[in-house]
């Protein structure tokens, strides 16, 4: 899945894709490969990160995960290999 030729395709995803930011990236990862990426565990046990909504520290274990303090939704595309690429969907975003 990491080398998927369609993931970065503007024809398939518009301006979104694995290099999008903020809510757009979160929405992309949630829908990528019919949702198969969303709950896929992050290799190595996850990334320790700071919630971009409330500032709480937590470990993001799947490619879309929520802050245990405030429920803020964060995501990272599988092609990225470090926590600096984690994006936050915003306070009003909820998972379906």
PDB file of N, CA and C in Angstrom:
ATOM      1  N   UNK A   1       0.808  -1.194   0.000  1.00  0.00           N
ATOM      2  CA  UNK A   1       0.000   0.000   0.000  1.00  0.00           C
ATOM      3  C   UNK A   1       0.851   1.258   0.000  1.00  0.00           C
ATOM      4  N   UNK A   2       2.061   1.181   0.485  1.00  0.00           N
ATOM      5  CA  UNK A   2       2.887   2.364   0.594  1.00  0.00           C
ATOM      6  C   UNK A   2       3.276   2.916  -0.760  1.00  0.00           C
ATOM      7  N   UNK A   3       3.323   2.064  -1.761  1.00  0.00           N
ATOM      8  CA  UNK A   3       3.704   2.509  -3.083  1.00  0.00           C
ATOM      9  C   UNK A   3       2.515   2.655  -4.011  1.00  0.00           C
ATOM     10  N   UNK A   4       1.353   2.864  -3.490  1.00  0.00           N
ATOM     11  CA  UNK A   4       0.132   2.933  -4.289  1.00  0.00           C
ATOM     12  C   UNK A   4       0.215   4.081  -5.296  1.00  0.00           C
ATOM     13  N   UNK A   5       0.107   3.796  -6.581  1.00  0.00           N
ATOM     14  CA  UNK A   5       0.203   4.847  -7.585  1.00  0.00           C
ATOM     15  C   UNK A   5      -0.988   5.797  -7.581  1.00  0.00           C
ATOM     16  N   UNK A   6      -2.113   5.400  -7.003  1.00  0.00           N
ATOM     17  CA  UNK A   6      -3.300   6.258  -7.014  1.00  0.00           C
ATOM     18  C   UNK A   6      -3.401   7.209  -5.831  1.00  0.00           C
ATOM     19  N   UNK A   7      -2.642   6.968  -4.764  1.00  0.00           N
ATOM     20  CA  UNK A   7      -2.797   7.786  -3.559  1.00  0.00           C
ATOM     21  C   UNK A   7      -2.454   9.252  -3.773  1.00  0.00           C
ATOM     22  N   UNK A   8      -1.478   9.533  -4.579  1.00  0.00           N
ATOM     23  CA  UNK A   8      -1.109  10.916  -4.831  1.00  0.00           C
ATOM     24  C   UNK A   8      -1.724  11.481  -6.085  1.00  0.00           C
ATOM     25  N   UNK A   9      -2.634  10.742  -6.694  1.00  0.00           N
ATOM     26  CA  UNK A   9      -3.216  11.138  -7.962  1.00  0.00           C
ATOM     27  C   UNK A   9      -4.228  12.266  -7.800  1.00  0.00           C
ATOM     28  N   UNK A  10      -3.953  13.441  -8.394  1.00  0.00           N
ATOM     29  CA  UNK A  10      -4.921  14.536  -8.322  1.00  0.00           C
ATOM     30  C   UNK A  10      -6.246  14.186  -8.998  1.00  0.00           C
ATOM     31  N   UNK A  11      -6.189  13.312 -10.014  1.00  0.00           N
ATOM     32  CA  UNK A  11      -7.422  12.917 -10.696  1.00  0.00           C
ATOM     33  C   UNK A  11      -8.345  12.144  -9.747  1.00  0.00           C
ATOM     34  N   UNK A  12      -7.760  11.366  -8.846  1.00  0.00           N
ATOM     35  CA  UNK A  12      -8.550  10.534  -7.947  1.00  0.00           C
ATOM     36  C   UNK A  12      -8.949  11.272  -6.672  1.00  0.00           C
ATOM     37  N   UNK A  13      -8.085  12.134  -6.157  1.00  0.00           N
ATOM     38  CA  UNK A  13      -8.319  12.751  -4.852  1.00  0.00           C
ATOM     39  C   UNK A  13      -8.385  14.268  -4.874  1.00  0.00           C
ATOM     40  N   UNK A  14      -8.366  14.903  -6.015  1.00  0.00           N
ATOM     41  CA  UNK A  14      -8.345  16.353  -6.066  1.00  0.00           C
ATOM     42  C   UNK A  14      -7.031  16.849  -5.496  1.00  0.00           C
ATOM     43  N   UNK A  15      -7.054  17.929  -4.740  1.00  0.00           N
ATOM     44  CA  UNK A  15      -5.806  18.471  -4.186  1.00  0.00           C
ATOM     45  C   UNK A  15      -5.365  17.682  -2.954  1.00  0.00           C
ATOM     46  N   UNK A  16      -6.238  16.834  -2.412  1.00  0.00           N
ATOM     47  CA  UNK A  16      -5.889  16.034  -1.252  1.00  0.00           C
ATOM     48  C   UNK A  16      -4.980  14.893  -1.632  1.00  0.00           C
ATOM     49  N   UNK A  17      -4.521  14.200  -0.657  1.00  0.00           N
ATOM     50  CA  UNK A  17      -3.637  13.074  -0.872  1.00  0.00           C
ATOM     51  C   UNK A  17      -2.705  12.956   0.312  1.00  0.00           C
ATOM     52  N   UNK A  18      -1.708  12.117   0.224  1.00  0.00           N
ATOM     53  CA  UNK A  18      -0.834  11.875   1.365  1.00  0.00           C
ATOM     54  C   UNK A  18       0.022  13.068   1.771  1.00  0.00           C
ATOM     55  N   UNK A  19       0.060  14.113   0.950  1.00  0.00           N
ATOM     56  CA  UNK A  19       0.846  15.291   1.285  1.00  0.00           C
ATOM     57  C   UNK A  19      -0.028  16.486   1.666  1.00  0.00           C
ATOM     58  N   UNK A  20      -1.322  16.264   1.797  1.00  0.00           N
ATOM     59  CA  UNK A  20      -2.232  17.321   2.227  1.00  0.00           C
ATOM     60  C   UNK A  20      -1.934  17.675   3.687  1.00  0.00           C
ATOM     61  N   UNK A  21      -2.555  18.718   4.170  1.00  0.00           N
ATOM     62  CA  UNK A  21      -2.360  19.125   5.564  1.00  0.00           C
ATOM     63  C   UNK A  21      -3.705  19.277   6.266  1.00  0.00           C
ATOM     64  N   UNK A  22      -3.653  19.289   7.593  1.00  0.00           N
ATOM     65  CA  UNK A  22      -4.835  19.521   8.407  1.00  0.00           C
ATOM     66  C   UNK A  22      -5.957  18.547   8.150  1.00  0.00           C
ATOM     67  N   UNK A  23      -7.169  19.064   8.188  1.00  0.00           N
ATOM     68  CA  UNK A  23      -8.372  18.252   8.016  1.00  0.00           C
ATOM     69  C   UNK A  23      -8.363  17.494   6.694  1.00  0.00           C
ATOM     70  N   UNK A  24      -7.840  18.110   5.654  1.00  0.00           N
ATOM     71  CA  UNK A  24      -7.818  17.463   4.346  1.00  0.00           C
ATOM     72  C   UNK A  24      -7.019  16.154   4.389  1.00  0.00           C
ATOM     73  N   UNK A  25      -5.895  16.151   5.096  1.00  0.00           N
ATOM     74  CA  UNK A  25      -5.103  14.919   5.226  1.00  0.00           C
ATOM     75  C   UNK A  25      -5.855  13.890   6.057  1.00  0.00           C
ATOM     76  N   UNK A  26      -6.465  14.315   7.150  1.00  0.00           N
ATOM     77  CA  UNK A  26      -7.215  13.388   8.004  1.00  0.00           C
ATOM     78  C   UNK A  26      -8.335  12.739   7.201  1.00  0.00           C
ATOM     79  N   UNK A  27      -9.079  13.521   6.453  1.00  0.00           N
ATOM     80  CA  UNK A  27     -10.158  12.969   5.632  1.00  0.00           C
ATOM     81  C   UNK A  27      -9.611  11.998   4.586  1.00  0.00           C
ATOM     82  N   UNK A  28      -8.474  12.331   3.975  1.00  0.00           N
ATOM     83  CA  UNK A  28      -7.864  11.449   2.990  1.00  0.00           C
ATOM     84  C   UNK A  28      -7.498  10.104   3.603  1.00  0.00           C
ATOM     85  N   UNK A  29      -6.805  10.120   4.741  1.00  0.00           N
ATOM     86  CA  UNK A  29      -6.372   8.870   5.369  1.00  0.00           C
ATOM     87  C   UNK A  29      -7.580   8.046   5.816  1.00  0.00           C
ATOM     88  N   UNK A  30      -8.617   8.701   6.304  1.00  0.00           N
ATOM     89  CA  UNK A  30      -9.831   7.981   6.710  1.00  0.00           C
ATOM     90  C   UNK A  30     -10.453   7.216   5.550  1.00  0.00           C
ATOM     91  N   UNK A  31     -10.391   7.780   4.353  1.00  0.00           N
ATOM     92  CA  UNK A  31     -11.054   7.181   3.189  1.00  0.00           C
ATOM     93  C   UNK A  31     -10.130   6.340   2.313  1.00  0.00           C
ATOM     94  N   UNK A  32      -8.817   6.483   2.465  1.00  0.00           N
ATOM     95  CA  UNK A  32      -7.872   5.804   1.577  1.00  0.00           C
ATOM     96  C   UNK A  32      -8.087   4.295   1.578  1.00  0.00           C
ATOM     97  N   UNK A  33      -8.027   3.730   0.414  1.00  0.00           N
ATOM     98  CA  UNK A  33      -8.187   2.280   0.241  1.00  0.00           C
ATOM     99  C   UNK A  33      -9.454   1.765   0.926  1.00  0.00           C
ATOM    100  N   UNK A  34     -10.547   2.505   0.722  1.00  0.00           N
ATOM    101  CA  UNK A  34     -11.851   2.150   1.286  1.00  0.00           C
ATOM    102  C   UNK A  34     -11.814   2.012   2.805  1.00  0.00           C
ATOM    103  N   UNK A  35     -11.002   2.828   3.450  1.00  0.00           N
ATOM    104  CA  UNK A  35     -10.927   2.854   4.914  1.00  0.00           C
ATOM    105  C   UNK A  35      -9.930   1.890   5.525  1.00  0.00           C
ATOM    106  N   UNK A  36      -9.227   1.130   4.702  1.00  0.00           N
ATOM    107  CA  UNK A  36      -8.293   0.113   5.215  1.00  0.00           C
ATOM    108  C   UNK A  36      -7.089   0.714   5.939  1.00  0.00           C
ATOM    109  N   UNK A  37      -6.715   1.917   5.604  1.00  0.00           N
ATOM    110  CA  UNK A  37      -5.544   2.557   6.222  1.00  0.00           C
ATOM    111  C   UNK A  37      -5.891   3.118   7.602  1.00  0.00           C
ATOM    112  N   UNK A  38      -7.089   3.589   7.750  1.00  0.00           N
ATOM    113  CA  UNK A  38      -7.534   4.287   8.964  1.00  0.00           C
ATOM    114  C   UNK A  38      -7.136   3.590  10.261  1.00  0.00           C
ATOM    115  N   UNK A  39      -7.419   2.321  10.388  1.00  0.00           N
ATOM    116  CA  UNK A  39      -7.154   1.592  11.631  1.00  0.00           C
ATOM    117  C   UNK A  39      -5.905   0.720  11.577  1.00  0.00           C
ATOM    118  N   UNK A  40      -5.128   0.886  10.534  1.00  0.00           N
ATOM    119  CA  UNK A  40      -3.906   0.094  10.398  1.00  0.00           C
ATOM    120  C   UNK A  40      -2.882   0.557  11.438  1.00  0.00           C
ATOM    121  N   UNK A  41      -2.313  -0.388  12.200  1.00  0.00           N
ATOM    122  CA  UNK A  41      -1.316  -0.003  13.212  1.00  0.00           C
ATOM    123  C   UNK A  41      -0.080   0.636  12.579  1.00  0.00           C
ATOM    124  N   UNK A  42       0.463   1.607  13.266  1.00  0.00           N
ATOM    125  CA  UNK A  42       1.705   2.249  12.838  1.00  0.00           C
ATOM    126  C   UNK A  42       2.861   1.334  13.233  1.00  0.00           C
ATOM    127  N   UNK A  43       3.754   1.090  12.288  1.00  0.00           N
ATOM    128  CA  UNK A  43       4.909   0.233  12.546  1.00  0.00           C
ATOM    129  C   UNK A  43       5.715   0.758  13.735  1.00  0.00           C
ATOM    130  N   UNK A  44       6.251  -0.161  14.528  1.00  0.00           N
ATOM    131  CA  UNK A  44       7.079   0.215  15.663  1.00  0.00           C
ATOM    132  C   UNK A  44       6.303   0.603  16.909  1.00  0.00           C
ATOM    133  N   UNK A  45       4.986   0.421  16.890  1.00  0.00           N
ATOM    134  CA  UNK A  45       4.187   0.708  18.070  1.00  0.00           C
ATOM    135  C   UNK A  45       3.561   2.082  18.127  1.00  0.00           C
ATOM    136  N   UNK A  46       3.819   2.914  17.146  1.00  0.00           N
ATOM    137  CA  UNK A  46       3.180   4.221  17.095  1.00  0.00           C
ATOM    138  C   UNK A  46       4.137   5.372  17.312  1.00  0.00           C
ATOM    139  N   UNK A  47       3.554   6.571  17.361  1.00  0.00           N
ATOM    140  CA  UNK A  47       4.322   7.798  17.554  1.00  0.00           C
ATOM    141  C   UNK A  47       3.832   8.510  18.799  1.00  0.00           C
ATOM    142  N   UNK A  48       4.749   8.877  19.672  1.00  0.00           N
ATOM    143  CA  UNK A  48       4.380   9.744  20.785  1.00  0.00           C
ATOM    144  C   UNK A  48       4.253  11.139  20.208  1.00  0.00           C
ATOM    145  N   UNK A  49       3.151  11.778  20.516  1.00  0.00           N
ATOM    146  CA  UNK A  49       2.890  13.103  19.957  1.00  0.00           C
ATOM    147  C   UNK A  49       2.146  13.962  20.965  1.00  0.00           C
ATOM    148  N   UNK A  50       2.026  15.201  20.648  1.00  0.00           N
ATOM    149  CA  UNK A  50       1.264  16.140  21.464  1.00  0.00           C
ATOM    150  C   UNK A  50       0.008  16.511  20.696  1.00  0.00           C
ATOM    151  N   UNK A  51      -1.135  16.406  21.351  1.00  0.00           N
ATOM    152  CA  UNK A  51      -2.398  16.762  20.723  1.00  0.00           C
ATOM    153  C   UNK A  51      -2.335  18.216  20.269  1.00  0.00           C
ATOM    154  N   UNK A  52      -2.693  18.440  19.027  1.00  0.00           N
ATOM    155  CA  UNK A  52      -2.682  19.788  18.474  1.00  0.00           C
ATOM    156  C   UNK A  52      -3.922  20.578  18.874  1.00  0.00           C
ATOM    157  N   UNK A  53      -4.827  19.931  19.616  1.00  0.00           N
ATOM    158  CA  UNK A  53      -6.017  20.617  20.099  1.00  0.00           C
ATOM    159  C   UNK A  53      -5.888  21.061  21.542  1.00  0.00           C
ATOM    160  N   UNK A  54      -5.477  20.107  22.430  1.00  0.00           N
ATOM    161  CA  UNK A  54      -5.443  20.437  23.863  1.00  0.00           C
ATOM    162  C   UNK A  54      -4.044  20.393  24.475  1.00  0.00           C
ATOM    163  N   UNK A  55      -3.066  19.880  23.751  1.00  0.00           N
ATOM    164  CA  UNK A  55      -1.698  19.841  24.259  1.00  0.00           C
ATOM    165  C   UNK A  55      -1.330  18.605  25.058  1.00  0.00           C
ATOM    166  N   UNK A  56      -2.246  17.654  25.198  1.00  0.00           N
ATOM    167  CA  UNK A  56      -1.950  16.422  25.947  1.00  0.00           C
ATOM    168  C   UNK A  56      -0.999  15.540  25.138  1.00  0.00           C
ATOM    169  N   UNK A  57      -0.121  14.852  25.832  1.00  0.00           N
ATOM    170  CA  UNK A  57       0.790  13.913  25.183  1.00  0.00           C
ATOM    171  C   UNK A  57       0.107  12.551  25.114  1.00  0.00           C
ATOM    172  N   UNK A  58       0.169  11.907  23.942  1.00  0.00           N
ATOM    173  CA  UNK A  58      -0.398  10.568  23.783  1.00  0.00           C
ATOM    174  C   UNK A  58       0.367   9.824  22.702  1.00  0.00           C
ATOM    175  N   UNK A  59       0.169   8.515  22.631  1.00  0.00           N
ATOM    176  CA  UNK A  59       0.793   7.710  21.594  1.00  0.00           C
ATOM    177  C   UNK A  59      -0.238   7.393  20.529  1.00  0.00           C
ATOM    178  N   UNK A  60       0.070   7.830  19.329  1.00  0.00           N
ATOM    179  CA  UNK A  60      -0.776   7.562  18.179  1.00  0.00           C
ATOM    180  C   UNK A  60      -0.411   6.174  17.676  1.00  0.00           C
ATOM    181  N   UNK A  61      -1.325   5.216  17.789  1.00  0.00           N
ATOM    182  CA  UNK A  61      -1.020   3.821  17.460  1.00  0.00           C
ATOM    183  C   UNK A  61      -1.529   3.383  16.097  1.00  0.00           C
ATOM    184  N   UNK A  62      -2.494   4.112  15.537  1.00  0.00           N
ATOM    185  CA  UNK A  62      -3.019   3.801  14.208  1.00  0.00           C
ATOM    186  C   UNK A  62      -2.908   5.051  13.341  1.00  0.00           C
ATOM    187  N   UNK A  63      -3.096   4.906  12.043  1.00  0.00           N
ATOM    188  CA  UNK A  63      -2.899   6.033  11.132  1.00  0.00           C
ATOM    189  C   UNK A  63      -3.940   7.132  11.312  1.00  0.00           C
ATOM    190  N   UNK A  64      -5.065   6.818  11.902  1.00  0.00           N
ATOM    191  CA  UNK A  64      -6.022   7.821  12.367  1.00  0.00           C
ATOM    192  C   UNK A  64      -6.287   7.470  13.815  1.00  0.00           C
ATOM    193  N   UNK A  65      -6.064   8.420  14.703  1.00  0.00           N
ATOM    194  CA  UNK A  65      -6.220   8.147  16.134  1.00  0.00           C
ATOM    195  C   UNK A  65      -6.738   9.398  16.820  1.00  0.00           C
ATOM    196  N   UNK A  66      -7.290   9.216  18.007  1.00  0.00           N
ATOM    197  CA  UNK A  66      -7.845  10.348  18.753  1.00  0.00           C
ATOM    198  C   UNK A  66      -7.107  10.572  20.058  1.00  0.00           C
ATOM    199  N   UNK A  67      -7.072  11.802  20.471  1.00  0.00           N
ATOM    200  CA  UNK A  67      -6.472  12.175  21.746  1.00  0.00           C
ATOM    201  C   UNK A  67      -7.369  11.648  22.866  1.00  0.00           C
ATOM    202  N   UNK A  68      -6.801  10.933  23.830  1.00  0.00           N
ATOM    203  CA  UNK A  68      -7.622  10.416  24.925  1.00  0.00           C
ATOM    204  C   UNK A  68      -8.168  11.509  25.851  1.00  0.00           C
ATOM    205  N   UNK A  69      -7.585  12.687  25.829  1.00  0.00           N
ATOM    206  CA  UNK A  69      -8.050  13.793  26.678  1.00  0.00           C
ATOM    207  C   UNK A  69      -9.253  14.512  26.082  1.00  0.00           C
ATOM    208  N   UNK A  70      -9.122  14.940  24.817  1.00  0.00           N
ATOM    209  CA  UNK A  70     -10.166  15.785  24.224  1.00  0.00           C
ATOM    210  C   UNK A  70     -10.888  15.159  23.039  1.00  0.00           C
ATOM    211  N   UNK A  71     -10.395  14.015  22.552  1.00  0.00           N
ATOM    212  CA  UNK A  71     -11.016  13.361  21.404  1.00  0.00           C
ATOM    213  C   UNK A  71     -10.596  13.940  20.068  1.00  0.00           C
ATOM    214  N   UNK A  72      -9.620  14.853  20.059  1.00  0.00           N
ATOM    215  CA  UNK A  72      -9.143  15.446  18.810  1.00  0.00           C
ATOM    216  C   UNK A  72      -8.613  14.384  17.857  1.00  0.00           C
ATOM    217  N   UNK A  73      -9.016  14.468  16.606  1.00  0.00           N
ATOM    218  CA  UNK A  73      -8.652  13.459  15.605  1.00  0.00           C
ATOM    219  C   UNK A  73      -7.382  13.886  14.875  1.00  0.00           C
ATOM    220  N   UNK A  74      -6.416  12.966  14.861  1.00  0.00           N
ATOM    221  CA  UNK A  74      -5.128  13.186  14.214  1.00  0.00           C
ATOM    222  C   UNK A  74      -4.900  12.071  13.205  1.00  0.00           C
ATOM    223  N   UNK A  75      -4.090  12.341  12.175  1.00  0.00           N
ATOM    224  CA  UNK A  75      -3.774  11.319  11.187  1.00  0.00           C
ATOM    225  C   UNK A  75      -2.372  11.529  10.640  1.00  0.00           C
ATOM    226  N   UNK A  76      -1.839  10.430  10.102  1.00  0.00           N
ATOM    227  CA  UNK A  76      -0.575  10.469   9.389  1.00  0.00           C
ATOM    228  C   UNK A  76      -0.671   9.475   8.236  1.00  0.00           C
ATOM    229  N   UNK A  77      -0.220   9.901   7.070  1.00  0.00           N
ATOM    230  CA  UNK A  77      -0.218   9.006   5.906  1.00  0.00           C
ATOM    231  C   UNK A  77       0.879   7.965   6.079  1.00  0.00           C
ATOM    232  N   UNK A  78       0.629   6.732   5.644  1.00  0.00           N
ATOM    233  CA  UNK A  78       1.619   5.664   5.805  1.00  0.00           C
ATOM    234  C   UNK A  78       2.971   5.946   5.145  1.00  0.00           C
ATOM    235  N   UNK A  79       3.003   6.810   4.146  1.00  0.00           N
ATOM    236  CA  UNK A  79       4.281   7.084   3.482  1.00  0.00           C
ATOM    237  C   UNK A  79       5.231   7.890   4.359  1.00  0.00           C
ATOM    238  N   UNK A  80       4.702   8.539   5.378  1.00  0.00           N
ATOM    239  CA  UNK A  80       5.538   9.337   6.273  1.00  0.00           C
ATOM    240  C   UNK A  80       6.060   8.465   7.402  1.00  0.00           C
ATOM    241  N   UNK A  81       7.297   8.662   7.774  1.00  0.00           N
ATOM    242  CA  UNK A  81       7.959   7.785   8.737  1.00  0.00           C
ATOM    243  C   UNK A  81       8.355   8.464  10.039  1.00  0.00           C
ATOM    244  N   UNK A  82       7.805   9.640  10.319  1.00  0.00           N
ATOM    245  CA  UNK A  82       8.082  10.263  11.613  1.00  0.00           C
ATOM    246  C   UNK A  82       6.924  11.174  12.005  1.00  0.00           C
ATOM    247  N   UNK A  83       6.853  11.462  13.290  1.00  0.00           N
ATOM    248  CA  UNK A  83       5.707  12.176  13.853  1.00  0.00           C
ATOM    249  C   UNK A  83       5.572  13.621  13.381  1.00  0.00           C
ATOM    250  N   UNK A  84       6.580  14.162  12.722  1.00  0.00           N
ATOM    251  CA  UNK A  84       6.477  15.555  12.273  1.00  0.00           C
ATOM    252  C   UNK A  84       5.406  15.736  11.198  1.00  0.00           C
ATOM    253  N   UNK A  85       4.899  14.655  10.638  1.00  0.00           N
ATOM    254  CA  UNK A  85       3.885  14.730   9.589  1.00  0.00           C
ATOM    255  C   UNK A  85       2.472  14.495  10.098  1.00  0.00           C
ATOM    256  N   UNK A  86       2.297  14.354  11.399  1.00  0.00           N
ATOM    257  CA  UNK A  86       0.957  14.161  11.967  1.00  0.00           C
ATOM    258  C   UNK A  86       0.146  15.435  11.769  1.00  0.00           C
ATOM    259  N   UNK A  87      -1.083  15.265  11.325  1.00  0.00           N
ATOM    260  CA  UNK A  87      -1.979  16.397  11.081  1.00  0.00           C
ATOM    261  C   UNK A  87      -3.211  16.288  11.982  1.00  0.00           C
ATOM    262  N   UNK A  88      -3.799  17.422  12.272  1.00  0.00           N
ATOM    263  CA  UNK A  88      -4.958  17.542  13.171  1.00  0.00           C
ATOM    264  C   UNK A  88      -6.150  18.035  12.373  1.00  0.00           C
ATOM    265  N   UNK A  89      -7.307  17.429  12.604  1.00  0.00           N
ATOM    266  CA  UNK A  89      -8.505  17.765  11.823  1.00  0.00           C
ATOM    267  C   UNK A  89      -9.256  18.992  12.338  1.00  0.00           C
ATOM    268  N   UNK A  90      -8.974  19.456  13.528  1.00  0.00           N
ATOM    269  CA  UNK A  90      -9.694  20.586  14.100  1.00  0.00           C
ATOM    270  C   UNK A  90     -10.684  20.135  15.153  1.00  0.00           C
ATOM    271  N   UNK A  91     -11.076  21.043  15.999  1.00  0.00           N
ATOM    272  CA  UNK A  91     -11.926  20.733  17.153  1.00  0.00           C
ATOM    273  C   UNK A  91     -13.299  20.167  16.790  1.00  0.00           C
ATOM    274  N   UNK A  92     -13.842  20.565  15.667  1.00  0.00           N
ATOM    275  CA  UNK A  92     -15.209  20.156  15.324  1.00  0.00           C
ATOM    276  C   UNK A  92     -15.285  18.895  14.456  1.00  0.00           C
ATOM    277  N   UNK A  93     -14.166  18.244  14.192  1.00  0.00           N
ATOM    278  CA  UNK A  93     -14.151  17.046  13.352  1.00  0.00           C
ATOM    279  C   UNK A  93     -14.469  15.814  14.181  1.00  0.00           C
ATOM    280  N   UNK A  94     -15.359  14.968  13.657  1.00  0.00           N
ATOM    281  CA  UNK A  94     -15.684  13.710  14.324  1.00  0.00           C
ATOM    282  C   UNK A  94     -15.553  12.567  13.333  1.00  0.00           C
ATOM    283  N   UNK A  95     -15.200  11.397  13.843  1.00  0.00           N
ATOM    284  CA  UNK A  95     -15.103  10.224  12.991  1.00  0.00           C
ATOM    285  C   UNK A  95     -16.473   9.622  12.786  1.00  0.00           C
ATOM    286  N   UNK A  96     -16.746   9.177  11.578  1.00  0.00           N
ATOM    287  CA  UNK A  96     -18.032   8.525  11.281  1.00  0.00           C
ATOM    288  C   UNK A  96     -18.027   7.112  11.770  1.00  0.00           C
TER     289      UNK A  96
END
